[in-house]
N, C-alpha and C. Protein backbone atom coordinates (compact mmCIF):
# COMPACT_ATOMS: atom_id res chain seq x y z
N MET A 1 -43.33 6.81 -55.47
CA MET A 1 -43.89 7.68 -56.48
C MET A 1 -45.33 7.28 -56.73
N HIS A 2 -46.18 8.25 -56.98
CA HIS A 2 -47.59 8.00 -57.20
C HIS A 2 -47.85 7.52 -58.62
N THR A 3 -48.84 6.65 -58.76
CA THR A 3 -49.19 6.09 -60.07
C THR A 3 -49.57 7.19 -61.05
N VAL A 4 -50.30 8.20 -60.60
CA VAL A 4 -50.71 9.30 -61.48
C VAL A 4 -49.48 10.06 -61.98
N ALA A 5 -48.51 10.29 -61.11
CA ALA A 5 -47.28 10.98 -61.52
C ALA A 5 -46.51 10.16 -62.54
N VAL A 6 -46.49 8.83 -62.36
CA VAL A 6 -45.81 7.95 -63.32
C VAL A 6 -46.49 8.05 -64.68
N LEU A 7 -47.82 7.97 -64.69
CA LEU A 7 -48.55 8.04 -65.97
C LEU A 7 -48.38 9.40 -66.62
N LYS A 8 -48.38 10.48 -65.82
CA LYS A 8 -48.19 11.82 -66.39
C LYS A 8 -46.79 11.94 -67.00
N ALA A 9 -45.79 11.46 -66.29
CA ALA A 9 -44.42 11.51 -66.81
C ALA A 9 -44.28 10.65 -68.06
N SER A 10 -45.09 9.61 -68.15
CA SER A 10 -45.00 8.68 -69.28
C SER A 10 -45.59 9.23 -70.56
N CYS A 11 -46.37 10.27 -70.48
CA CYS A 11 -47.01 10.83 -71.68
C CYS A 11 -46.07 11.76 -72.44
N ASN A 12 -44.98 12.15 -71.82
CA ASN A 12 -44.03 13.06 -72.44
C ASN A 12 -42.79 12.26 -72.87
N PRO A 13 -42.46 12.24 -74.17
CA PRO A 13 -41.36 11.38 -74.63
C PRO A 13 -39.96 11.93 -74.35
N THR A 14 -39.85 13.08 -73.71
CA THR A 14 -38.51 13.60 -73.40
C THR A 14 -38.03 13.01 -72.09
N GLY A 15 -36.75 13.02 -71.90
CA GLY A 15 -36.17 12.53 -70.67
C GLY A 15 -35.79 11.07 -70.74
N ARG A 16 -35.58 10.49 -69.58
CA ARG A 16 -35.07 9.12 -69.49
C ARG A 16 -35.87 8.32 -68.48
N ILE A 17 -35.82 7.00 -68.63
CA ILE A 17 -36.42 6.08 -67.67
C ILE A 17 -35.47 4.89 -67.53
N ASN A 18 -35.14 4.54 -66.31
CA ASN A 18 -34.22 3.41 -66.13
C ASN A 18 -35.01 2.09 -66.07
N ARG A 19 -34.30 1.00 -65.83
CA ARG A 19 -34.94 -0.32 -65.83
C ARG A 19 -36.03 -0.42 -64.76
N LYS A 20 -35.75 0.12 -63.59
CA LYS A 20 -36.71 0.08 -62.49
C LYS A 20 -37.99 0.83 -62.86
N GLY A 21 -37.85 2.04 -63.37
CA GLY A 21 -39.01 2.83 -63.76
C GLY A 21 -39.78 2.20 -64.91
N PHE A 22 -39.05 1.60 -65.85
CA PHE A 22 -39.67 0.95 -67.00
C PHE A 22 -40.51 -0.24 -66.55
N LEU A 23 -39.96 -1.05 -65.65
CA LEU A 23 -40.71 -2.20 -65.12
C LEU A 23 -41.91 -1.74 -64.31
N HIS A 24 -41.73 -0.71 -63.49
CA HIS A 24 -42.82 -0.15 -62.70
C HIS A 24 -43.95 0.30 -63.61
N LEU A 25 -43.61 1.02 -64.66
CA LEU A 25 -44.61 1.50 -65.61
C LEU A 25 -45.29 0.34 -66.33
N ALA A 26 -44.53 -0.67 -66.73
CA ALA A 26 -45.10 -1.83 -67.41
C ALA A 26 -46.12 -2.54 -66.51
N LEU A 27 -45.81 -2.66 -65.23
CA LEU A 27 -46.73 -3.30 -64.30
C LEU A 27 -48.00 -2.48 -64.10
N ILE A 28 -47.85 -1.16 -64.04
CA ILE A 28 -49.01 -0.27 -63.91
C ILE A 28 -49.91 -0.40 -65.14
N ILE A 29 -49.31 -0.36 -66.33
CA ILE A 29 -50.10 -0.49 -67.56
C ILE A 29 -50.80 -1.84 -67.62
N LEU A 30 -50.09 -2.90 -67.26
CA LEU A 30 -50.69 -4.23 -67.26
C LEU A 30 -51.88 -4.30 -66.30
N ALA A 31 -51.72 -3.75 -65.11
CA ALA A 31 -52.81 -3.77 -64.12
C ALA A 31 -54.02 -2.97 -64.63
N ILE A 32 -53.76 -1.82 -65.22
CA ILE A 32 -54.86 -1.00 -65.75
C ILE A 32 -55.56 -1.72 -66.90
N GLN A 33 -54.80 -2.36 -67.78
CA GLN A 33 -55.42 -3.10 -68.89
C GLN A 33 -56.25 -4.27 -68.39
N ILE A 34 -55.74 -5.03 -67.45
CA ILE A 34 -56.48 -6.16 -66.91
C ILE A 34 -57.77 -5.67 -66.25
N ALA A 35 -57.66 -4.60 -65.46
CA ALA A 35 -58.85 -4.07 -64.79
C ALA A 35 -59.87 -3.55 -65.80
N THR A 36 -59.41 -2.83 -66.80
CA THR A 36 -60.32 -2.26 -67.80
C THR A 36 -61.04 -3.35 -68.58
N TYR A 37 -60.29 -4.31 -69.08
CA TYR A 37 -60.92 -5.37 -69.86
C TYR A 37 -61.73 -6.31 -68.97
N GLY A 38 -61.29 -6.52 -67.73
CA GLY A 38 -62.07 -7.32 -66.79
C GLY A 38 -63.42 -6.70 -66.49
N LEU A 39 -63.42 -5.38 -66.26
CA LEU A 39 -64.68 -4.68 -66.03
C LEU A 39 -65.57 -4.71 -67.26
N THR A 40 -64.96 -4.53 -68.41
CA THR A 40 -65.72 -4.54 -69.66
C THR A 40 -66.42 -5.88 -69.85
N ILE A 41 -65.69 -6.94 -69.69
CA ILE A 41 -66.27 -8.29 -69.85
C ILE A 41 -67.25 -8.58 -68.71
N GLY A 42 -66.90 -8.19 -67.50
CA GLY A 42 -67.77 -8.41 -66.35
C GLY A 42 -69.11 -7.70 -66.46
N LEU A 43 -69.10 -6.53 -67.07
CA LEU A 43 -70.34 -5.76 -67.25
C LEU A 43 -71.08 -6.16 -68.52
N GLY A 44 -70.53 -7.13 -69.27
CA GLY A 44 -71.19 -7.60 -70.47
C GLY A 44 -71.10 -6.64 -71.65
N MET A 45 -70.12 -5.76 -71.63
CA MET A 45 -69.96 -4.79 -72.72
C MET A 45 -69.12 -5.40 -73.84
N GLN A 46 -69.20 -4.81 -75.00
CA GLN A 46 -68.44 -5.26 -76.16
C GLN A 46 -66.96 -4.90 -75.98
N THR A 47 -66.07 -5.83 -76.27
CA THR A 47 -64.64 -5.56 -76.15
C THR A 47 -64.08 -4.88 -77.39
N ASN A 48 -64.90 -4.67 -78.41
CA ASN A 48 -64.44 -3.97 -79.61
C ASN A 48 -65.08 -2.59 -79.72
N SER A 49 -65.44 -1.98 -78.58
CA SER A 49 -66.09 -0.68 -78.60
C SER A 49 -65.09 0.43 -78.93
N LEU A 50 -65.62 1.54 -79.36
CA LEU A 50 -64.80 2.71 -79.69
C LEU A 50 -64.06 3.23 -78.46
N THR A 51 -64.70 3.15 -77.31
CA THR A 51 -64.07 3.60 -76.06
C THR A 51 -62.82 2.78 -75.75
N LEU A 52 -62.92 1.47 -75.92
CA LEU A 52 -61.75 0.63 -75.67
C LEU A 52 -60.66 0.85 -76.71
N ARG A 53 -61.03 1.15 -77.92
CA ARG A 53 -60.01 1.45 -78.95
C ARG A 53 -59.28 2.74 -78.59
N ALA A 54 -60.00 3.72 -78.08
CA ALA A 54 -59.36 4.96 -77.63
C ALA A 54 -58.42 4.68 -76.47
N PHE A 55 -58.84 3.82 -75.55
CA PHE A 55 -57.99 3.40 -74.43
C PHE A 55 -56.74 2.70 -74.96
N ASP A 56 -56.91 1.83 -75.95
CA ASP A 56 -55.76 1.12 -76.54
C ASP A 56 -54.79 2.10 -77.20
N LEU A 57 -55.31 3.13 -77.87
CA LEU A 57 -54.43 4.14 -78.48
C LEU A 57 -53.65 4.92 -77.41
N ALA A 58 -54.33 5.26 -76.33
CA ALA A 58 -53.64 5.96 -75.23
C ALA A 58 -52.56 5.06 -74.63
N THR A 59 -52.87 3.79 -74.47
CA THR A 59 -51.89 2.83 -73.95
C THR A 59 -50.71 2.69 -74.90
N LEU A 60 -51.00 2.64 -76.20
CA LEU A 60 -49.93 2.56 -77.20
C LEU A 60 -49.02 3.78 -77.10
N TRP A 61 -49.61 4.97 -76.95
CA TRP A 61 -48.81 6.19 -76.83
C TRP A 61 -47.89 6.10 -75.61
N ILE A 62 -48.42 5.67 -74.48
CA ILE A 62 -47.61 5.57 -73.26
C ILE A 62 -46.50 4.54 -73.45
N CYS A 63 -46.80 3.43 -74.11
CA CYS A 63 -45.78 2.41 -74.36
C CYS A 63 -44.68 2.94 -75.28
N LEU A 64 -45.06 3.68 -76.31
CA LEU A 64 -44.06 4.25 -77.23
C LEU A 64 -43.21 5.31 -76.55
N THR A 65 -43.83 6.14 -75.72
CA THR A 65 -43.02 7.15 -75.01
C THR A 65 -42.11 6.50 -73.99
N ALA A 66 -42.59 5.43 -73.35
CA ALA A 66 -41.74 4.72 -72.39
C ALA A 66 -40.55 4.08 -73.10
N ALA A 67 -40.80 3.47 -74.27
CA ALA A 67 -39.70 2.89 -75.04
C ALA A 67 -38.72 3.98 -75.47
N THR A 68 -39.25 5.14 -75.86
CA THR A 68 -38.39 6.26 -76.24
C THR A 68 -37.51 6.68 -75.07
N LYS A 69 -38.13 6.85 -73.90
CA LYS A 69 -37.36 7.24 -72.72
C LYS A 69 -36.32 6.18 -72.35
N ARG A 70 -36.68 4.92 -72.52
CA ARG A 70 -35.74 3.84 -72.21
C ARG A 70 -34.55 3.87 -73.17
N LEU A 71 -34.84 4.12 -74.45
CA LEU A 71 -33.76 4.28 -75.41
C LEU A 71 -32.90 5.49 -75.07
N HIS A 72 -33.53 6.57 -74.62
CA HIS A 72 -32.77 7.75 -74.20
C HIS A 72 -31.82 7.41 -73.07
N ASP A 73 -32.25 6.54 -72.17
CA ASP A 73 -31.40 6.16 -71.05
C ASP A 73 -30.15 5.42 -71.52
N THR A 74 -30.23 4.78 -72.70
CA THR A 74 -29.07 4.09 -73.27
C THR A 74 -28.38 4.96 -74.33
N ASP A 75 -28.72 6.25 -74.34
CA ASP A 75 -28.15 7.26 -75.26
C ASP A 75 -28.47 6.94 -76.73
N ARG A 76 -29.67 6.44 -76.98
CA ARG A 76 -30.15 6.20 -78.35
C ARG A 76 -31.42 7.01 -78.56
N GLY A 77 -31.66 7.40 -79.79
CA GLY A 77 -32.86 8.15 -80.13
C GLY A 77 -34.05 7.26 -80.42
N ALA A 78 -35.22 7.87 -80.52
CA ALA A 78 -36.46 7.14 -80.77
C ALA A 78 -36.48 6.50 -82.16
N VAL A 79 -35.61 6.93 -83.05
CA VAL A 79 -35.56 6.34 -84.38
C VAL A 79 -35.26 4.84 -84.30
N TRP A 80 -34.67 4.40 -83.20
CA TRP A 80 -34.39 2.97 -83.01
C TRP A 80 -35.68 2.16 -82.92
N ILE A 81 -36.78 2.80 -82.52
CA ILE A 81 -38.08 2.11 -82.53
C ILE A 81 -38.45 1.78 -83.96
N LEU A 82 -38.23 2.73 -84.87
CA LEU A 82 -38.53 2.48 -86.29
C LEU A 82 -37.64 1.37 -86.85
N TYR A 83 -36.38 1.37 -86.46
CA TYR A 83 -35.48 0.30 -86.90
C TYR A 83 -35.98 -1.06 -86.42
N ALA A 84 -36.41 -1.12 -85.17
CA ALA A 84 -36.90 -2.38 -84.61
C ALA A 84 -38.18 -2.83 -85.31
N ILE A 85 -39.07 -1.89 -85.60
CA ILE A 85 -40.31 -2.24 -86.31
C ILE A 85 -39.99 -2.74 -87.71
N ALA A 86 -39.11 -2.03 -88.42
CA ALA A 86 -38.74 -2.44 -89.78
C ALA A 86 -38.07 -3.82 -89.77
N GLY A 87 -37.17 -4.04 -88.84
CA GLY A 87 -36.50 -5.33 -88.74
C GLY A 87 -37.48 -6.45 -88.40
N SER A 88 -38.39 -6.18 -87.48
CA SER A 88 -39.39 -7.18 -87.10
C SER A 88 -40.31 -7.52 -88.27
N LEU A 89 -40.74 -6.48 -88.99
CA LEU A 89 -41.60 -6.71 -90.16
C LEU A 89 -40.88 -7.52 -91.24
N ALA A 90 -39.64 -7.15 -91.52
CA ALA A 90 -38.88 -7.88 -92.54
C ALA A 90 -38.69 -9.34 -92.13
N PHE A 91 -38.35 -9.58 -90.89
CA PHE A 91 -38.18 -10.94 -90.39
C PHE A 91 -39.50 -11.71 -90.48
N SER A 92 -40.60 -11.09 -90.04
CA SER A 92 -41.90 -11.75 -90.04
C SER A 92 -42.35 -12.09 -91.46
N VAL A 93 -42.20 -11.14 -92.37
CA VAL A 93 -42.58 -11.40 -93.76
C VAL A 93 -41.71 -12.52 -94.33
N GLY A 94 -40.42 -12.50 -94.04
CA GLY A 94 -39.53 -13.55 -94.51
C GLY A 94 -39.94 -14.92 -93.99
N ILE A 95 -40.28 -15.00 -92.71
CA ILE A 95 -40.72 -16.26 -92.11
C ILE A 95 -42.01 -16.74 -92.76
N ILE A 96 -42.95 -15.83 -92.96
CA ILE A 96 -44.24 -16.20 -93.55
C ILE A 96 -44.08 -16.66 -94.99
N VAL A 97 -43.29 -15.92 -95.77
CA VAL A 97 -43.06 -16.31 -97.17
C VAL A 97 -42.36 -17.67 -97.23
N ALA A 98 -41.36 -17.87 -96.40
CA ALA A 98 -40.66 -19.15 -96.39
C ALA A 98 -41.61 -20.30 -96.01
N ALA A 99 -42.47 -20.06 -95.03
CA ALA A 99 -43.43 -21.09 -94.61
C ALA A 99 -44.42 -21.41 -95.73
N ILE A 100 -44.89 -20.38 -96.44
CA ILE A 100 -45.82 -20.62 -97.55
C ILE A 100 -45.13 -21.41 -98.66
N LEU A 101 -43.89 -21.06 -98.95
CA LEU A 101 -43.15 -21.77 -100.00
C LEU A 101 -42.87 -23.23 -99.61
N LEU A 102 -42.59 -23.46 -98.34
CA LEU A 102 -42.29 -24.82 -97.88
C LEU A 102 -43.53 -25.68 -97.67
N PHE A 103 -44.58 -25.10 -97.09
CA PHE A 103 -45.73 -25.89 -96.66
C PHE A 103 -47.04 -25.54 -97.36
N GLY A 104 -47.06 -24.50 -98.17
CA GLY A 104 -48.29 -24.09 -98.84
C GLY A 104 -49.06 -23.06 -98.03
N GLN A 105 -50.08 -22.49 -98.66
CA GLN A 105 -50.86 -21.41 -98.03
C GLN A 105 -51.65 -21.87 -96.81
N THR A 106 -51.91 -23.15 -96.71
CA THR A 106 -52.69 -23.64 -95.57
C THR A 106 -51.95 -23.45 -94.24
N VAL A 107 -50.65 -23.17 -94.31
CA VAL A 107 -49.88 -22.92 -93.09
C VAL A 107 -50.41 -21.68 -92.36
N LEU A 108 -51.10 -20.80 -93.06
CA LEU A 108 -51.62 -19.57 -92.46
C LEU A 108 -52.97 -19.77 -91.77
N LEU A 109 -53.56 -20.94 -91.90
CA LEU A 109 -54.84 -21.21 -91.25
C LEU A 109 -54.62 -21.56 -89.78
N PRO A 110 -55.44 -21.01 -88.90
CA PRO A 110 -55.27 -21.28 -87.46
C PRO A 110 -55.28 -22.77 -87.09
N GLN A 111 -55.97 -23.60 -87.86
CA GLN A 111 -56.00 -25.03 -87.54
C GLN A 111 -54.77 -25.78 -88.06
N SER A 112 -53.89 -25.10 -88.78
CA SER A 112 -52.67 -25.72 -89.29
C SER A 112 -51.75 -26.11 -88.13
N PRO A 113 -51.07 -27.24 -88.23
CA PRO A 113 -50.14 -27.63 -87.15
C PRO A 113 -48.93 -26.69 -87.04
N TYR A 114 -48.67 -25.91 -88.08
CA TYR A 114 -47.51 -25.00 -88.07
C TYR A 114 -47.89 -23.58 -87.64
N TYR A 115 -49.17 -23.32 -87.53
CA TYR A 115 -49.64 -21.95 -87.28
C TYR A 115 -49.05 -21.38 -85.99
N PHE A 116 -49.12 -22.12 -84.89
CA PHE A 116 -48.59 -21.64 -83.61
C PHE A 116 -47.11 -21.28 -83.73
N TRP A 117 -46.33 -22.15 -84.36
CA TRP A 117 -44.90 -21.91 -84.50
C TRP A 117 -44.61 -20.75 -85.42
N LEU A 118 -45.43 -20.57 -86.42
CA LEU A 118 -45.27 -19.45 -87.34
C LEU A 118 -45.51 -18.12 -86.62
N ILE A 119 -46.56 -18.06 -85.84
CA ILE A 119 -46.86 -16.85 -85.07
C ILE A 119 -45.77 -16.60 -84.04
N THR A 120 -45.32 -17.66 -83.38
CA THR A 120 -44.26 -17.52 -82.38
C THR A 120 -42.98 -16.98 -83.01
N LEU A 121 -42.58 -17.53 -84.14
CA LEU A 121 -41.38 -17.04 -84.82
C LEU A 121 -41.54 -15.62 -85.32
N ALA A 122 -42.72 -15.30 -85.84
CA ALA A 122 -42.95 -13.96 -86.39
C ALA A 122 -42.89 -12.88 -85.31
N THR A 123 -43.25 -13.22 -84.08
CA THR A 123 -43.24 -12.23 -83.00
C THR A 123 -41.94 -12.25 -82.19
N LEU A 124 -41.05 -13.16 -82.49
CA LEU A 124 -39.81 -13.30 -81.74
C LEU A 124 -38.95 -12.02 -81.72
N PRO A 125 -38.76 -11.32 -82.85
CA PRO A 125 -37.94 -10.11 -82.79
C PRO A 125 -38.52 -9.03 -81.86
N ALA A 126 -39.84 -8.87 -81.86
CA ALA A 126 -40.46 -7.88 -80.97
C ALA A 126 -40.26 -8.28 -79.51
N PHE A 127 -40.36 -9.57 -79.23
CA PHE A 127 -40.15 -10.06 -77.87
C PHE A 127 -38.71 -9.81 -77.42
N ILE A 128 -37.76 -10.09 -78.30
CA ILE A 128 -36.35 -9.87 -77.98
C ILE A 128 -36.06 -8.39 -77.75
N ALA A 129 -36.64 -7.52 -78.59
CA ALA A 129 -36.45 -6.07 -78.42
C ALA A 129 -37.03 -5.61 -77.09
N THR A 130 -38.18 -6.16 -76.70
CA THR A 130 -38.78 -5.79 -75.42
C THR A 130 -37.91 -6.25 -74.26
N LEU A 131 -37.38 -7.46 -74.35
CA LEU A 131 -36.47 -7.93 -73.30
C LEU A 131 -35.24 -7.04 -73.21
N TRP A 132 -34.71 -6.64 -74.36
CA TRP A 132 -33.53 -5.78 -74.35
C TRP A 132 -33.85 -4.46 -73.65
N LEU A 133 -35.03 -3.89 -73.93
CA LEU A 133 -35.41 -2.64 -73.26
C LEU A 133 -35.45 -2.82 -71.74
N HIS A 134 -35.89 -3.98 -71.29
CA HIS A 134 -35.99 -4.22 -69.85
C HIS A 134 -34.63 -4.47 -69.19
N PHE A 135 -33.68 -5.04 -69.93
CA PHE A 135 -32.43 -5.45 -69.30
C PHE A 135 -31.20 -4.62 -69.66
N ALA A 136 -31.26 -3.80 -70.70
CA ALA A 136 -30.10 -3.00 -71.11
C ALA A 136 -29.73 -2.00 -70.02
N LYS A 137 -28.45 -1.90 -69.76
CA LYS A 137 -27.96 -0.96 -68.75
C LYS A 137 -27.99 0.45 -69.32
N GLY A 138 -28.49 1.38 -68.55
CA GLY A 138 -28.53 2.77 -68.97
C GLY A 138 -27.22 3.47 -68.70
N ASP A 139 -27.08 4.67 -69.25
CA ASP A 139 -25.88 5.48 -69.03
C ASP A 139 -25.83 5.97 -67.58
N GLU A 140 -24.64 6.00 -67.04
CA GLU A 140 -24.43 6.59 -65.72
C GLU A 140 -24.37 8.10 -65.90
N GLY A 141 -24.99 8.83 -65.02
CA GLY A 141 -24.94 10.29 -65.08
C GLY A 141 -25.72 10.86 -66.26
N ARG A 142 -25.42 12.12 -66.56
CA ARG A 142 -26.12 12.82 -67.64
C ARG A 142 -25.72 12.29 -69.00
N ASN A 143 -26.65 12.36 -69.93
CA ASN A 143 -26.33 12.15 -71.33
C ASN A 143 -27.08 13.21 -72.13
N ARG A 144 -27.08 13.13 -73.43
CA ARG A 144 -27.67 14.19 -74.24
C ARG A 144 -29.19 14.28 -74.11
N TYR A 145 -29.83 13.30 -73.46
CA TYR A 145 -31.28 13.30 -73.30
C TYR A 145 -31.74 13.75 -71.92
N GLY A 146 -30.81 13.99 -71.03
CA GLY A 146 -31.20 14.48 -69.71
C GLY A 146 -30.35 13.89 -68.61
N PRO A 147 -30.65 14.31 -67.40
CA PRO A 147 -29.91 13.77 -66.25
C PRO A 147 -30.28 12.31 -65.99
N ALA A 148 -29.46 11.66 -65.21
CA ALA A 148 -29.75 10.26 -64.85
C ALA A 148 -31.07 10.20 -64.10
N PRO A 149 -31.86 9.16 -64.32
CA PRO A 149 -33.12 9.02 -63.59
C PRO A 149 -32.89 9.01 -62.08
N GLY A 150 -33.85 9.58 -61.35
CA GLY A 150 -33.77 9.63 -59.90
C GLY A 150 -34.29 8.35 -59.27
N GLN A 151 -34.64 8.43 -58.00
CA GLN A 151 -35.14 7.27 -57.27
C GLN A 151 -36.38 6.67 -57.91
N SER A 152 -37.17 7.51 -58.56
CA SER A 152 -38.42 7.06 -59.18
C SER A 152 -38.16 6.22 -60.43
N GLY A 153 -36.97 6.37 -61.01
CA GLY A 153 -36.67 5.69 -62.26
C GLY A 153 -36.88 6.59 -63.46
N PHE A 154 -37.37 7.81 -63.24
CA PHE A 154 -37.64 8.77 -64.31
C PHE A 154 -36.75 9.99 -64.18
N SER A 155 -36.46 10.61 -65.31
CA SER A 155 -35.89 11.96 -65.29
C SER A 155 -36.51 12.70 -66.46
N ALA A 156 -36.79 13.96 -66.24
CA ALA A 156 -37.35 14.78 -67.32
C ALA A 156 -36.21 15.19 -68.24
N GLY A 157 -36.54 15.48 -69.46
CA GLY A 157 -35.54 16.00 -70.40
C GLY A 157 -35.13 17.38 -69.97
N TYR A 158 -34.13 17.92 -70.58
CA TYR A 158 -33.63 19.23 -70.19
C TYR A 158 -34.67 20.35 -70.24
N PRO A 159 -35.60 20.37 -71.22
CA PRO A 159 -36.54 21.49 -71.26
C PRO A 159 -37.57 21.50 -70.14
N ASP A 160 -37.82 20.38 -69.47
CA ASP A 160 -38.94 20.29 -68.54
C ASP A 160 -38.49 19.80 -67.18
N GLN A 161 -37.75 20.61 -66.45
CA GLN A 161 -37.24 20.19 -65.15
C GLN A 161 -38.36 20.14 -64.09
N LYS A 162 -39.45 20.91 -64.28
CA LYS A 162 -40.54 20.88 -63.32
C LYS A 162 -41.18 19.50 -63.24
N LEU A 163 -41.27 18.81 -64.38
CA LEU A 163 -41.85 17.47 -64.39
C LEU A 163 -40.97 16.50 -63.60
N ALA A 164 -39.66 16.62 -63.70
CA ALA A 164 -38.76 15.75 -62.95
C ALA A 164 -38.95 15.96 -61.45
N ALA A 165 -39.12 17.21 -61.03
CA ALA A 165 -39.33 17.50 -59.62
C ALA A 165 -40.64 16.88 -59.14
N LEU A 166 -41.68 16.94 -59.96
CA LEU A 166 -42.98 16.38 -59.60
C LEU A 166 -42.88 14.86 -59.46
N VAL A 167 -42.20 14.21 -60.39
CA VAL A 167 -42.12 12.76 -60.40
C VAL A 167 -41.28 12.24 -59.24
N ASP A 168 -40.23 12.92 -58.86
CA ASP A 168 -39.34 12.44 -57.81
C ASP A 168 -39.83 12.76 -56.41
N GLN A 169 -41.03 13.28 -56.26
CA GLN A 169 -41.57 13.59 -54.92
C GLN A 169 -41.97 12.33 -54.20
């Protein structure tokens, strides 16, 4: 499957993506991000430019639609993304509040000996959710979100069968 077809399919949150397609897309996004930021730094440009923020927003959209499609492959809706965000935030706030109560506000300073562990613990739920998306087994055959992904790892949702045909070429 062509990289452009993968990215085009990734912009539409309908349909499904299996583990293979999800990993393929993650590697494409990683390569594009490394190349973009490498060129930016190599050319001496600012890494906080408006253009790069627009690129980051586009990347975020593709990541959210990919997560949605991956959840669809496990017969879950995109609302599970909101559940994961809420759970991660609650856990992170709990960890931070507990650390402040135990060690004082200086625990939030980057030079604090606990800072690394605090950040690591605070991001742990998001890391676990990402691993689950990569390793969870999808439904065999059709489900309410569309047919099983093809060889490409993608399937279009029921309303857009033309996109599935394009991706599986």
